[in-house]
PDBML (XML) file of the C-alpha atoms, coordinates in Angstrom:
<?xml version="1.0" encoding="UTF-8" ?>
<PDBx:datablock datablockName="MODEL"
   xmlns:PDBx="http://pdbml.pdb.org/schema/pdbx-v50.xsd"
   xmlns:xsi="http://www.w3.org/2001/XMLSchema-instance"
   xsi:schemaLocation="http://pdbml.pdb.org/schema/pdbx-v50.xsd pdbx-v50.xsd">
   <PDBx:atom_siteCategory>
      <PDBx:atom_site id="1">
         <PDBx:B_iso_or_equiv>0.00</PDBx:B_iso_or_equiv>
         <PDBx:Cartn_x>135.049</PDBx:Cartn_x>
         <PDBx:Cartn_y>88.663</PDBx:Cartn_y>
         <PDBx:Cartn_z>-153.877</PDBx:Cartn_z>
         <PDBx:auth_asym_id>A</PDBx:auth_asym_id>
         <PDBx:auth_atom_id>CA</PDBx:auth_atom_id>
         <PDBx:auth_comp_id>ASP</PDBx:auth_comp_id>
         <PDBx:auth_seq_id>1</PDBx:auth_seq_id>
         <PDBx:group_PDB>ATOM</PDBx:group_PDB>
         <PDBx:label_alt_id xsi:nil="true" />
         <PDBx:label_asym_id>A</PDBx:label_asym_id>
         <PDBx:label_atom_id>CA</PDBx:label_atom_id>
         <PDBx:label_comp_id>ASP</PDBx:label_comp_id>
         <PDBx:label_entity_id>1</PDBx:label_entity_id>
         <PDBx:label_seq_id>1</PDBx:label_seq_id>
         <PDBx:occupancy>1.00</PDBx:occupancy>
         <PDBx:pdbx_PDB_model_num>1</PDBx:pdbx_PDB_model_num>
         <PDBx:type_symbol>C</PDBx:type_symbol>
      </PDBx:atom_site>
      <PDBx:atom_site id="2">
         <PDBx:B_iso_or_equiv>0.00</PDBx:B_iso_or_equiv>
         <PDBx:Cartn_x>138.790</PDBx:Cartn_x>
         <PDBx:Cartn_y>88.545</PDBx:Cartn_y>
         <PDBx:Cartn_z>-153.254</PDBx:Cartn_z>
         <PDBx:auth_asym_id>A</PDBx:auth_asym_id>
         <PDBx:auth_atom_id>CA</PDBx:auth_atom_id>
         <PDBx:auth_comp_id>VAL</PDBx:auth_comp_id>
         <PDBx:auth_seq_id>2</PDBx:auth_seq_id>
         <PDBx:group_PDB>ATOM</PDBx:group_PDB>
         <PDBx:label_alt_id xsi:nil="true" />
         <PDBx:label_asym_id>A</PDBx:label_asym_id>
         <PDBx:label_atom_id>CA</PDBx:label_atom_id>
         <PDBx:label_comp_id>VAL</PDBx:label_comp_id>
         <PDBx:label_entity_id>1</PDBx:label_entity_id>
         <PDBx:label_seq_id>2</PDBx:label_seq_id>
         <PDBx:occupancy>1.00</PDBx:occupancy>
         <PDBx:pdbx_PDB_model_num>1</PDBx:pdbx_PDB_model_num>
         <PDBx:type_symbol>C</PDBx:type_symbol>
      </PDBx:atom_site>
      <PDBx:atom_site id="3">
         <PDBx:B_iso_or_equiv>0.00</PDBx:B_iso_or_equiv>
         <PDBx:Cartn_x>139.457</PDBx:Cartn_x>
         <PDBx:Cartn_y>91.588</PDBx:Cartn_y>
         <PDBx:Cartn_z>-155.448</PDBx:Cartn_z>
         <PDBx:auth_asym_id>A</PDBx:auth_asym_id>
         <PDBx:auth_atom_id>CA</PDBx:auth_atom_id>
         <PDBx:auth_comp_id>PHE</PDBx:auth_comp_id>
         <PDBx:auth_seq_id>3</PDBx:auth_seq_id>
         <PDBx:group_PDB>ATOM</PDBx:group_PDB>
         <PDBx:label_alt_id xsi:nil="true" />
         <PDBx:label_asym_id>A</PDBx:label_asym_id>
         <PDBx:label_atom_id>CA</PDBx:label_atom_id>
         <PDBx:label_comp_id>PHE</PDBx:label_comp_id>
         <PDBx:label_entity_id>1</PDBx:label_entity_id>
         <PDBx:label_seq_id>3</PDBx:label_seq_id>
         <PDBx:occupancy>1.00</PDBx:occupancy>
         <PDBx:pdbx_PDB_model_num>1</PDBx:pdbx_PDB_model_num>
         <PDBx:type_symbol>C</PDBx:type_symbol>
      </PDBx:atom_site>
      <PDBx:atom_site id="4">
         <PDBx:B_iso_or_equiv>0.00</PDBx:B_iso_or_equiv>
         <PDBx:Cartn_x>137.237</PDBx:Cartn_x>
         <PDBx:Cartn_y>93.981</PDBx:Cartn_y>
         <PDBx:Cartn_z>-153.483</PDBx:Cartn_z>
         <PDBx:auth_asym_id>A</PDBx:auth_asym_id>
         <PDBx:auth_atom_id>CA</PDBx:auth_atom_id>
         <PDBx:auth_comp_id>SER</PDBx:auth_comp_id>
         <PDBx:auth_seq_id>4</PDBx:auth_seq_id>
         <PDBx:group_PDB>ATOM</PDBx:group_PDB>
         <PDBx:label_alt_id xsi:nil="true" />
         <PDBx:label_asym_id>A</PDBx:label_asym_id>
         <PDBx:label_atom_id>CA</PDBx:label_atom_id>
         <PDBx:label_comp_id>SER</PDBx:label_comp_id>
         <PDBx:label_entity_id>1</PDBx:label_entity_id>
         <PDBx:label_seq_id>4</PDBx:label_seq_id>
         <PDBx:occupancy>1.00</PDBx:occupancy>
         <PDBx:pdbx_PDB_model_num>1</PDBx:pdbx_PDB_model_num>
         <PDBx:type_symbol>C</PDBx:type_symbol>
      </PDBx:atom_site>
      <PDBx:atom_site id="5">
         <PDBx:B_iso_or_equiv>0.00</PDBx:B_iso_or_equiv>
         <PDBx:Cartn_x>136.949</PDBx:Cartn_x>
         <PDBx:Cartn_y>92.017</PDBx:Cartn_y>
         <PDBx:Cartn_z>-150.193</PDBx:Cartn_z>
         <PDBx:auth_asym_id>A</PDBx:auth_asym_id>
         <PDBx:auth_atom_id>CA</PDBx:auth_atom_id>
         <PDBx:auth_comp_id>ARG</PDBx:auth_comp_id>
         <PDBx:auth_seq_id>5</PDBx:auth_seq_id>
         <PDBx:group_PDB>ATOM</PDBx:group_PDB>
         <PDBx:label_alt_id xsi:nil="true" />
         <PDBx:label_asym_id>A</PDBx:label_asym_id>
         <PDBx:label_atom_id>CA</PDBx:label_atom_id>
         <PDBx:label_comp_id>ARG</PDBx:label_comp_id>
         <PDBx:label_entity_id>1</PDBx:label_entity_id>
         <PDBx:label_seq_id>5</PDBx:label_seq_id>
         <PDBx:occupancy>1.00</PDBx:occupancy>
         <PDBx:pdbx_PDB_model_num>1</PDBx:pdbx_PDB_model_num>
         <PDBx:type_symbol>C</PDBx:type_symbol>
      </PDBx:atom_site>
      <PDBx:atom_site id="6">
         <PDBx:B_iso_or_equiv>0.00</PDBx:B_iso_or_equiv>
         <PDBx:Cartn_x>133.190</PDBx:Cartn_x>
         <PDBx:Cartn_y>92.291</PDBx:Cartn_y>
         <PDBx:Cartn_z>-150.590</PDBx:Cartn_z>
         <PDBx:auth_asym_id>A</PDBx:auth_asym_id>
         <PDBx:auth_atom_id>CA</PDBx:auth_atom_id>
         <PDBx:auth_comp_id>ARG</PDBx:auth_comp_id>
         <PDBx:auth_seq_id>6</PDBx:auth_seq_id>
         <PDBx:group_PDB>ATOM</PDBx:group_PDB>
         <PDBx:label_alt_id xsi:nil="true" />
         <PDBx:label_asym_id>A</PDBx:label_asym_id>
         <PDBx:label_atom_id>CA</PDBx:label_atom_id>
         <PDBx:label_comp_id>ARG</PDBx:label_comp_id>
         <PDBx:label_entity_id>1</PDBx:label_entity_id>
         <PDBx:label_seq_id>6</PDBx:label_seq_id>
         <PDBx:occupancy>1.00</PDBx:occupancy>
         <PDBx:pdbx_PDB_model_num>1</PDBx:pdbx_PDB_model_num>
         <PDBx:type_symbol>C</PDBx:type_symbol>
      </PDBx:atom_site>
      <PDBx:atom_site id="7">
         <PDBx:B_iso_or_equiv>0.00</PDBx:B_iso_or_equiv>
         <PDBx:Cartn_x>130.765</PDBx:Cartn_x>
         <PDBx:Cartn_y>89.602</PDBx:Cartn_y>
         <PDBx:Cartn_z>-149.432</PDBx:Cartn_z>
         <PDBx:auth_asym_id>A</PDBx:auth_asym_id>
         <PDBx:auth_atom_id>CA</PDBx:auth_atom_id>
         <PDBx:auth_comp_id>VAL</PDBx:auth_comp_id>
         <PDBx:auth_seq_id>7</PDBx:auth_seq_id>
         <PDBx:group_PDB>ATOM</PDBx:group_PDB>
         <PDBx:label_alt_id xsi:nil="true" />
         <PDBx:label_asym_id>A</PDBx:label_asym_id>
         <PDBx:label_atom_id>CA</PDBx:label_atom_id>
         <PDBx:label_comp_id>VAL</PDBx:label_comp_id>
         <PDBx:label_entity_id>1</PDBx:label_entity_id>
         <PDBx:label_seq_id>7</PDBx:label_seq_id>
         <PDBx:occupancy>1.00</PDBx:occupancy>
         <PDBx:pdbx_PDB_model_num>1</PDBx:pdbx_PDB_model_num>
         <PDBx:type_symbol>C</PDBx:type_symbol>
      </PDBx:atom_site>
      <PDBx:atom_site id="8">
         <PDBx:B_iso_or_equiv>0.00</PDBx:B_iso_or_equiv>
         <PDBx:Cartn_x>128.675</PDBx:Cartn_x>
         <PDBx:Cartn_y>89.013</PDBx:Cartn_y>
         <PDBx:Cartn_z>-152.534</PDBx:Cartn_z>
         <PDBx:auth_asym_id>A</PDBx:auth_asym_id>
         <PDBx:auth_atom_id>CA</PDBx:auth_atom_id>
         <PDBx:auth_comp_id>VAL</PDBx:auth_comp_id>
         <PDBx:auth_seq_id>8</PDBx:auth_seq_id>
         <PDBx:group_PDB>ATOM</PDBx:group_PDB>
         <PDBx:label_alt_id xsi:nil="true" />
         <PDBx:label_asym_id>A</PDBx:label_asym_id>
         <PDBx:label_atom_id>CA</PDBx:label_atom_id>
         <PDBx:label_comp_id>VAL</PDBx:label_comp_id>
         <PDBx:label_entity_id>1</PDBx:label_entity_id>
         <PDBx:label_seq_id>8</PDBx:label_seq_id>
         <PDBx:occupancy>1.00</PDBx:occupancy>
         <PDBx:pdbx_PDB_model_num>1</PDBx:pdbx_PDB_model_num>
         <PDBx:type_symbol>C</PDBx:type_symbol>
      </PDBx:atom_site>
      <PDBx:atom_site id="9">
         <PDBx:B_iso_or_equiv>0.00</PDBx:B_iso_or_equiv>
         <PDBx:Cartn_x>126.653</PDBx:Cartn_x>
         <PDBx:Cartn_y>86.002</PDBx:Cartn_y>
         <PDBx:Cartn_z>-151.420</PDBx:Cartn_z>
         <PDBx:auth_asym_id>A</PDBx:auth_asym_id>
         <PDBx:auth_atom_id>CA</PDBx:auth_atom_id>
         <PDBx:auth_comp_id>GLY</PDBx:auth_comp_id>
         <PDBx:auth_seq_id>9</PDBx:auth_seq_id>
         <PDBx:group_PDB>ATOM</PDBx:group_PDB>
         <PDBx:label_alt_id xsi:nil="true" />
         <PDBx:label_asym_id>A</PDBx:label_asym_id>
         <PDBx:label_atom_id>CA</PDBx:label_atom_id>
         <PDBx:label_comp_id>GLY</PDBx:label_comp_id>
         <PDBx:label_entity_id>1</PDBx:label_entity_id>
         <PDBx:label_seq_id>9</PDBx:label_seq_id>
         <PDBx:occupancy>1.00</PDBx:occupancy>
         <PDBx:pdbx_PDB_model_num>1</PDBx:pdbx_PDB_model_num>
         <PDBx:type_symbol>C</PDBx:type_symbol>
      </PDBx:atom_site>
      <PDBx:atom_site id="10">
         <PDBx:B_iso_or_equiv>0.00</PDBx:B_iso_or_equiv>
         <PDBx:Cartn_x>125.739</PDBx:Cartn_x>
         <PDBx:Cartn_y>84.273</PDBx:Cartn_y>
         <PDBx:Cartn_z>-148.183</PDBx:Cartn_z>
         <PDBx:auth_asym_id>A</PDBx:auth_asym_id>
         <PDBx:auth_atom_id>CA</PDBx:auth_atom_id>
         <PDBx:auth_comp_id>TRP</PDBx:auth_comp_id>
         <PDBx:auth_seq_id>10</PDBx:auth_seq_id>
         <PDBx:group_PDB>ATOM</PDBx:group_PDB>
         <PDBx:label_alt_id xsi:nil="true" />
         <PDBx:label_asym_id>A</PDBx:label_asym_id>
         <PDBx:label_atom_id>CA</PDBx:label_atom_id>
         <PDBx:label_comp_id>TRP</PDBx:label_comp_id>
         <PDBx:label_entity_id>1</PDBx:label_entity_id>
         <PDBx:label_seq_id>10</PDBx:label_seq_id>
         <PDBx:occupancy>1.00</PDBx:occupancy>
         <PDBx:pdbx_PDB_model_num>1</PDBx:pdbx_PDB_model_num>
         <PDBx:type_symbol>C</PDBx:type_symbol>
      </PDBx:atom_site>
      <PDBx:atom_site id="11">
         <PDBx:B_iso_or_equiv>0.00</PDBx:B_iso_or_equiv>
         <PDBx:Cartn_x>123.206</PDBx:Cartn_x>
         <PDBx:Cartn_y>81.944</PDBx:Cartn_y>
         <PDBx:Cartn_z>-146.607</PDBx:Cartn_z>
         <PDBx:auth_asym_id>A</PDBx:auth_asym_id>
         <PDBx:auth_atom_id>CA</PDBx:auth_atom_id>
         <PDBx:auth_comp_id>GLU</PDBx:auth_comp_id>
         <PDBx:auth_seq_id>11</PDBx:auth_seq_id>
         <PDBx:group_PDB>ATOM</PDBx:group_PDB>
         <PDBx:label_alt_id xsi:nil="true" />
         <PDBx:label_asym_id>A</PDBx:label_asym_id>
         <PDBx:label_atom_id>CA</PDBx:label_atom_id>
         <PDBx:label_comp_id>GLU</PDBx:label_comp_id>
         <PDBx:label_entity_id>1</PDBx:label_entity_id>
         <PDBx:label_seq_id>11</PDBx:label_seq_id>
         <PDBx:occupancy>1.00</PDBx:occupancy>
         <PDBx:pdbx_PDB_model_num>1</PDBx:pdbx_PDB_model_num>
         <PDBx:type_symbol>C</PDBx:type_symbol>
      </PDBx:atom_site>
      <PDBx:atom_site id="12">
         <PDBx:B_iso_or_equiv>0.00</PDBx:B_iso_or_equiv>
         <PDBx:Cartn_x>122.517</PDBx:Cartn_x>
         <PDBx:Cartn_y>80.754</PDBx:Cartn_y>
         <PDBx:Cartn_z>-143.060</PDBx:Cartn_z>
         <PDBx:auth_asym_id>A</PDBx:auth_asym_id>
         <PDBx:auth_atom_id>CA</PDBx:auth_atom_id>
         <PDBx:auth_comp_id>LEU</PDBx:auth_comp_id>
         <PDBx:auth_seq_id>12</PDBx:auth_seq_id>
         <PDBx:group_PDB>ATOM</PDBx:group_PDB>
         <PDBx:label_alt_id xsi:nil="true" />
         <PDBx:label_asym_id>A</PDBx:label_asym_id>
         <PDBx:label_atom_id>CA</PDBx:label_atom_id>
         <PDBx:label_comp_id>LEU</PDBx:label_comp_id>
         <PDBx:label_entity_id>1</PDBx:label_entity_id>
         <PDBx:label_seq_id>12</PDBx:label_seq_id>
         <PDBx:occupancy>1.00</PDBx:occupancy>
         <PDBx:pdbx_PDB_model_num>1</PDBx:pdbx_PDB_model_num>
         <PDBx:type_symbol>C</PDBx:type_symbol>
      </PDBx:atom_site>
      <PDBx:atom_site id="13">
         <PDBx:B_iso_or_equiv>0.00</PDBx:B_iso_or_equiv>
         <PDBx:Cartn_x>121.232</PDBx:Cartn_x>
         <PDBx:Cartn_y>77.371</PDBx:Cartn_y>
         <PDBx:Cartn_z>-141.948</PDBx:Cartn_z>
         <PDBx:auth_asym_id>A</PDBx:auth_asym_id>
         <PDBx:auth_atom_id>CA</PDBx:auth_atom_id>
         <PDBx:auth_comp_id>GLY</PDBx:auth_comp_id>
         <PDBx:auth_seq_id>13</PDBx:auth_seq_id>
         <PDBx:group_PDB>ATOM</PDBx:group_PDB>
         <PDBx:label_alt_id xsi:nil="true" />
         <PDBx:label_asym_id>A</PDBx:label_asym_id>
         <PDBx:label_atom_id>CA</PDBx:label_atom_id>
         <PDBx:label_comp_id>GLY</PDBx:label_comp_id>
         <PDBx:label_entity_id>1</PDBx:label_entity_id>
         <PDBx:label_seq_id>13</PDBx:label_seq_id>
         <PDBx:occupancy>1.00</PDBx:occupancy>
         <PDBx:pdbx_PDB_model_num>1</PDBx:pdbx_PDB_model_num>
         <PDBx:type_symbol>C</PDBx:type_symbol>
      </PDBx:atom_site>
      <PDBx:atom_site id="14">
         <PDBx:B_iso_or_equiv>0.00</PDBx:B_iso_or_equiv>
         <PDBx:Cartn_x>121.241</PDBx:Cartn_x>
         <PDBx:Cartn_y>74.871</PDBx:Cartn_y>
         <PDBx:Cartn_z>-139.084</PDBx:Cartn_z>
         <PDBx:auth_asym_id>A</PDBx:auth_asym_id>
         <PDBx:auth_atom_id>CA</PDBx:auth_atom_id>
         <PDBx:auth_comp_id>GLU</PDBx:auth_comp_id>
         <PDBx:auth_seq_id>14</PDBx:auth_seq_id>
         <PDBx:group_PDB>ATOM</PDBx:group_PDB>
         <PDBx:label_alt_id xsi:nil="true" />
         <PDBx:label_asym_id>A</PDBx:label_asym_id>
         <PDBx:label_atom_id>CA</PDBx:label_atom_id>
         <PDBx:label_comp_id>GLU</PDBx:label_comp_id>
         <PDBx:label_entity_id>1</PDBx:label_entity_id>
         <PDBx:label_seq_id>14</PDBx:label_seq_id>
         <PDBx:occupancy>1.00</PDBx:occupancy>
         <PDBx:pdbx_PDB_model_num>1</PDBx:pdbx_PDB_model_num>
         <PDBx:type_symbol>C</PDBx:type_symbol>
      </PDBx:atom_site>
      <PDBx:atom_site id="15">
         <PDBx:B_iso_or_equiv>0.00</PDBx:B_iso_or_equiv>
         <PDBx:Cartn_x>123.503</PDBx:Cartn_x>
         <PDBx:Cartn_y>72.379</PDBx:Cartn_y>
         <PDBx:Cartn_z>-140.881</PDBx:Cartn_z>
         <PDBx:auth_asym_id>A</PDBx:auth_asym_id>
         <PDBx:auth_atom_id>CA</PDBx:auth_atom_id>
         <PDBx:auth_comp_id>SER</PDBx:auth_comp_id>
         <PDBx:auth_seq_id>15</PDBx:auth_seq_id>
         <PDBx:group_PDB>ATOM</PDBx:group_PDB>
         <PDBx:label_alt_id xsi:nil="true" />
         <PDBx:label_asym_id>A</PDBx:label_asym_id>
         <PDBx:label_atom_id>CA</PDBx:label_atom_id>
         <PDBx:label_comp_id>SER</PDBx:label_comp_id>
         <PDBx:label_entity_id>1</PDBx:label_entity_id>
         <PDBx:label_seq_id>15</PDBx:label_seq_id>
         <PDBx:occupancy>1.00</PDBx:occupancy>
         <PDBx:pdbx_PDB_model_num>1</PDBx:pdbx_PDB_model_num>
         <PDBx:type_symbol>C</PDBx:type_symbol>
      </PDBx:atom_site>
      <PDBx:atom_site id="16">
         <PDBx:B_iso_or_equiv>0.00</PDBx:B_iso_or_equiv>
         <PDBx:Cartn_x>126.084</PDBx:Cartn_x>
         <PDBx:Cartn_y>72.278</PDBx:Cartn_y>
         <PDBx:Cartn_z>-143.651</PDBx:Cartn_z>
         <PDBx:auth_asym_id>A</PDBx:auth_asym_id>
         <PDBx:auth_atom_id>CA</PDBx:auth_atom_id>
         <PDBx:auth_comp_id>LEU</PDBx:auth_comp_id>
         <PDBx:auth_seq_id>16</PDBx:auth_seq_id>
         <PDBx:group_PDB>ATOM</PDBx:group_PDB>
         <PDBx:label_alt_id xsi:nil="true" />
         <PDBx:label_asym_id>A</PDBx:label_asym_id>
         <PDBx:label_atom_id>CA</PDBx:label_atom_id>
         <PDBx:label_comp_id>LEU</PDBx:label_comp_id>
         <PDBx:label_entity_id>1</PDBx:label_entity_id>
         <PDBx:label_seq_id>16</PDBx:label_seq_id>
         <PDBx:occupancy>1.00</PDBx:occupancy>
         <PDBx:pdbx_PDB_model_num>1</PDBx:pdbx_PDB_model_num>
         <PDBx:type_symbol>C</PDBx:type_symbol>
      </PDBx:atom_site>
      <PDBx:atom_site id="17">
         <PDBx:B_iso_or_equiv>0.00</PDBx:B_iso_or_equiv>
         <PDBx:Cartn_x>123.939</PDBx:Cartn_x>
         <PDBx:Cartn_y>71.419</PDBx:Cartn_y>
         <PDBx:Cartn_z>-146.645</PDBx:Cartn_z>
         <PDBx:auth_asym_id>A</PDBx:auth_asym_id>
         <PDBx:auth_atom_id>CA</PDBx:auth_atom_id>
         <PDBx:auth_comp_id>GLN</PDBx:auth_comp_id>
         <PDBx:auth_seq_id>17</PDBx:auth_seq_id>
         <PDBx:group_PDB>ATOM</PDBx:group_PDB>
         <PDBx:label_alt_id xsi:nil="true" />
         <PDBx:label_asym_id>A</PDBx:label_asym_id>
         <PDBx:label_atom_id>CA</PDBx:label_atom_id>
         <PDBx:label_comp_id>GLN</PDBx:label_comp_id>
         <PDBx:label_entity_id>1</PDBx:label_entity_id>
         <PDBx:label_seq_id>17</PDBx:label_seq_id>
         <PDBx:occupancy>1.00</PDBx:occupancy>
         <PDBx:pdbx_PDB_model_num>1</PDBx:pdbx_PDB_model_num>
         <PDBx:type_symbol>C</PDBx:type_symbol>
      </PDBx:atom_site>
      <PDBx:atom_site id="18">
         <PDBx:B_iso_or_equiv>0.00</PDBx:B_iso_or_equiv>
         <PDBx:Cartn_x>124.813</PDBx:Cartn_x>
         <PDBx:Cartn_y>71.704</PDBx:Cartn_y>
         <PDBx:Cartn_z>-150.307</PDBx:Cartn_z>
         <PDBx:auth_asym_id>A</PDBx:auth_asym_id>
         <PDBx:auth_atom_id>CA</PDBx:auth_atom_id>
         <PDBx:auth_comp_id>THR</PDBx:auth_comp_id>
         <PDBx:auth_seq_id>18</PDBx:auth_seq_id>
         <PDBx:group_PDB>ATOM</PDBx:group_PDB>
         <PDBx:label_alt_id xsi:nil="true" />
         <PDBx:label_asym_id>A</PDBx:label_asym_id>
         <PDBx:label_atom_id>CA</PDBx:label_atom_id>
         <PDBx:label_comp_id>THR</PDBx:label_comp_id>
         <PDBx:label_entity_id>1</PDBx:label_entity_id>
         <PDBx:label_seq_id>18</PDBx:label_seq_id>
         <PDBx:occupancy>1.00</PDBx:occupancy>
         <PDBx:pdbx_PDB_model_num>1</PDBx:pdbx_PDB_model_num>
         <PDBx:type_symbol>C</PDBx:type_symbol>
      </PDBx:atom_site>
      <PDBx:atom_site id="19">
         <PDBx:B_iso_or_equiv>0.00</PDBx:B_iso_or_equiv>
         <PDBx:Cartn_x>121.753</PDBx:Cartn_x>
         <PDBx:Cartn_y>73.883</PDBx:Cartn_y>
         <PDBx:Cartn_z>-150.792</PDBx:Cartn_z>
         <PDBx:auth_asym_id>A</PDBx:auth_asym_id>
         <PDBx:auth_atom_id>CA</PDBx:auth_atom_id>
         <PDBx:auth_comp_id>SER</PDBx:auth_comp_id>
         <PDBx:auth_seq_id>19</PDBx:auth_seq_id>
         <PDBx:group_PDB>ATOM</PDBx:group_PDB>
         <PDBx:label_alt_id xsi:nil="true" />
         <PDBx:label_asym_id>A</PDBx:label_asym_id>
         <PDBx:label_atom_id>CA</PDBx:label_atom_id>
         <PDBx:label_comp_id>SER</PDBx:label_comp_id>
         <PDBx:label_entity_id>1</PDBx:label_entity_id>
         <PDBx:label_seq_id>19</PDBx:label_seq_id>
         <PDBx:occupancy>1.00</PDBx:occupancy>
         <PDBx:pdbx_PDB_model_num>1</PDBx:pdbx_PDB_model_num>
         <PDBx:type_symbol>C</PDBx:type_symbol>
      </PDBx:atom_site>
      <PDBx:atom_site id="20">
         <PDBx:B_iso_or_equiv>0.00</PDBx:B_iso_or_equiv>
         <PDBx:Cartn_x>123.297</PDBx:Cartn_x>
         <PDBx:Cartn_y>76.569</PDBx:Cartn_y>
         <PDBx:Cartn_z>-148.549</PDBx:Cartn_z>
         <PDBx:auth_asym_id>A</PDBx:auth_asym_id>
         <PDBx:auth_atom_id>CA</PDBx:auth_atom_id>
         <PDBx:auth_comp_id>LEU</PDBx:auth_comp_id>
         <PDBx:auth_seq_id>20</PDBx:auth_seq_id>
         <PDBx:group_PDB>ATOM</PDBx:group_PDB>
         <PDBx:label_alt_id xsi:nil="true" />
         <PDBx:label_asym_id>A</PDBx:label_asym_id>
         <PDBx:label_atom_id>CA</PDBx:label_atom_id>
         <PDBx:label_comp_id>LEU</PDBx:label_comp_id>
         <PDBx:label_entity_id>1</PDBx:label_entity_id>
         <PDBx:label_seq_id>20</PDBx:label_seq_id>
         <PDBx:occupancy>1.00</PDBx:occupancy>
         <PDBx:pdbx_PDB_model_num>1</PDBx:pdbx_PDB_model_num>
         <PDBx:type_symbol>C</PDBx:type_symbol>
      </PDBx:atom_site>
      <PDBx:atom_site id="21">
         <PDBx:B_iso_or_equiv>0.00</PDBx:B_iso_or_equiv>
         <PDBx:Cartn_x>126.366</PDBx:Cartn_x>
         <PDBx:Cartn_y>76.838</PDBx:Cartn_y>
         <PDBx:Cartn_z>-150.752</PDBx:Cartn_z>
         <PDBx:auth_asym_id>A</PDBx:auth_asym_id>
         <PDBx:auth_atom_id>CA</PDBx:auth_atom_id>
         <PDBx:auth_comp_id>ALA</PDBx:auth_comp_id>
         <PDBx:auth_seq_id>21</PDBx:auth_seq_id>
         <PDBx:group_PDB>ATOM</PDBx:group_PDB>
         <PDBx:label_alt_id xsi:nil="true" />
         <PDBx:label_asym_id>A</PDBx:label_asym_id>
         <PDBx:label_atom_id>CA</PDBx:label_atom_id>
         <PDBx:label_comp_id>ALA</PDBx:label_comp_id>
         <PDBx:label_entity_id>1</PDBx:label_entity_id>
         <PDBx:label_seq_id>21</PDBx:label_seq_id>
         <PDBx:occupancy>1.00</PDBx:occupancy>
         <PDBx:pdbx_PDB_model_num>1</PDBx:pdbx_PDB_model_num>
         <PDBx:type_symbol>C</PDBx:type_symbol>
      </PDBx:atom_site>
      <PDBx:atom_site id="22">
         <PDBx:B_iso_or_equiv>0.00</PDBx:B_iso_or_equiv>
         <PDBx:Cartn_x>124.205</PDBx:Cartn_x>
         <PDBx:Cartn_y>76.901</PDBx:Cartn_y>
         <PDBx:Cartn_z>-153.895</PDBx:Cartn_z>
         <PDBx:auth_asym_id>A</PDBx:auth_asym_id>
         <PDBx:auth_atom_id>CA</PDBx:auth_atom_id>
         <PDBx:auth_comp_id>LEU</PDBx:auth_comp_id>
         <PDBx:auth_seq_id>22</PDBx:auth_seq_id>
         <PDBx:group_PDB>ATOM</PDBx:group_PDB>
         <PDBx:label_alt_id xsi:nil="true" />
         <PDBx:label_asym_id>A</PDBx:label_asym_id>
         <PDBx:label_atom_id>CA</PDBx:label_atom_id>
         <PDBx:label_comp_id>LEU</PDBx:label_comp_id>
         <PDBx:label_entity_id>1</PDBx:label_entity_id>
         <PDBx:label_seq_id>22</PDBx:label_seq_id>
         <PDBx:occupancy>1.00</PDBx:occupancy>
         <PDBx:pdbx_PDB_model_num>1</PDBx:pdbx_PDB_model_num>
         <PDBx:type_symbol>C</PDBx:type_symbol>
      </PDBx:atom_site>
      <PDBx:atom_site id="23">
         <PDBx:B_iso_or_equiv>0.00</PDBx:B_iso_or_equiv>
         <PDBx:Cartn_x>121.967</PDBx:Cartn_x>
         <PDBx:Cartn_y>79.663</PDBx:Cartn_y>
         <PDBx:Cartn_z>-152.535</PDBx:Cartn_z>
         <PDBx:auth_asym_id>A</PDBx:auth_asym_id>
         <PDBx:auth_atom_id>CA</PDBx:auth_atom_id>
         <PDBx:auth_comp_id>VAL</PDBx:auth_comp_id>
         <PDBx:auth_seq_id>23</PDBx:auth_seq_id>
         <PDBx:group_PDB>ATOM</PDBx:group_PDB>
         <PDBx:label_alt_id xsi:nil="true" />
         <PDBx:label_asym_id>A</PDBx:label_asym_id>
         <PDBx:label_atom_id>CA</PDBx:label_atom_id>
         <PDBx:label_comp_id>VAL</PDBx:label_comp_id>
         <PDBx:label_entity_id>1</PDBx:label_entity_id>
         <PDBx:label_seq_id>23</PDBx:label_seq_id>
         <PDBx:occupancy>1.00</PDBx:occupancy>
         <PDBx:pdbx_PDB_model_num>1</PDBx:pdbx_PDB_model_num>
         <PDBx:type_symbol>C</PDBx:type_symbol>
      </PDBx:atom_site>
      <PDBx:atom_site id="24">
         <PDBx:B_iso_or_equiv>0.00</PDBx:B_iso_or_equiv>
         <PDBx:Cartn_x>125.010</PDBx:Cartn_x>
         <PDBx:Cartn_y>81.725</PDBx:Cartn_y>
         <PDBx:Cartn_z>-151.572</PDBx:Cartn_z>
         <PDBx:auth_asym_id>A</PDBx:auth_asym_id>
         <PDBx:auth_atom_id>CA</PDBx:auth_atom_id>
         <PDBx:auth_comp_id>ALA</PDBx:auth_comp_id>
         <PDBx:auth_seq_id>24</PDBx:auth_seq_id>
         <PDBx:group_PDB>ATOM</PDBx:group_PDB>
         <PDBx:label_alt_id xsi:nil="true" />
         <PDBx:label_asym_id>A</PDBx:label_asym_id>
         <PDBx:label_atom_id>CA</PDBx:label_atom_id>
         <PDBx:label_comp_id>ALA</PDBx:label_comp_id>
         <PDBx:label_entity_id>1</PDBx:label_entity_id>
         <PDBx:label_seq_id>24</PDBx:label_seq_id>
         <PDBx:occupancy>1.00</PDBx:occupancy>
         <PDBx:pdbx_PDB_model_num>1</PDBx:pdbx_PDB_model_num>
         <PDBx:type_symbol>C</PDBx:type_symbol>
      </PDBx:atom_site>
   </PDBx:atom_siteCategory>
</PDBx:datablock>
């Protein structure tokens, strides 16, 4: 969140998959 500098979503995986970005 650029306004508050707060991390509002994240996900960790072994490769760059689309599912990681969707989960975040």
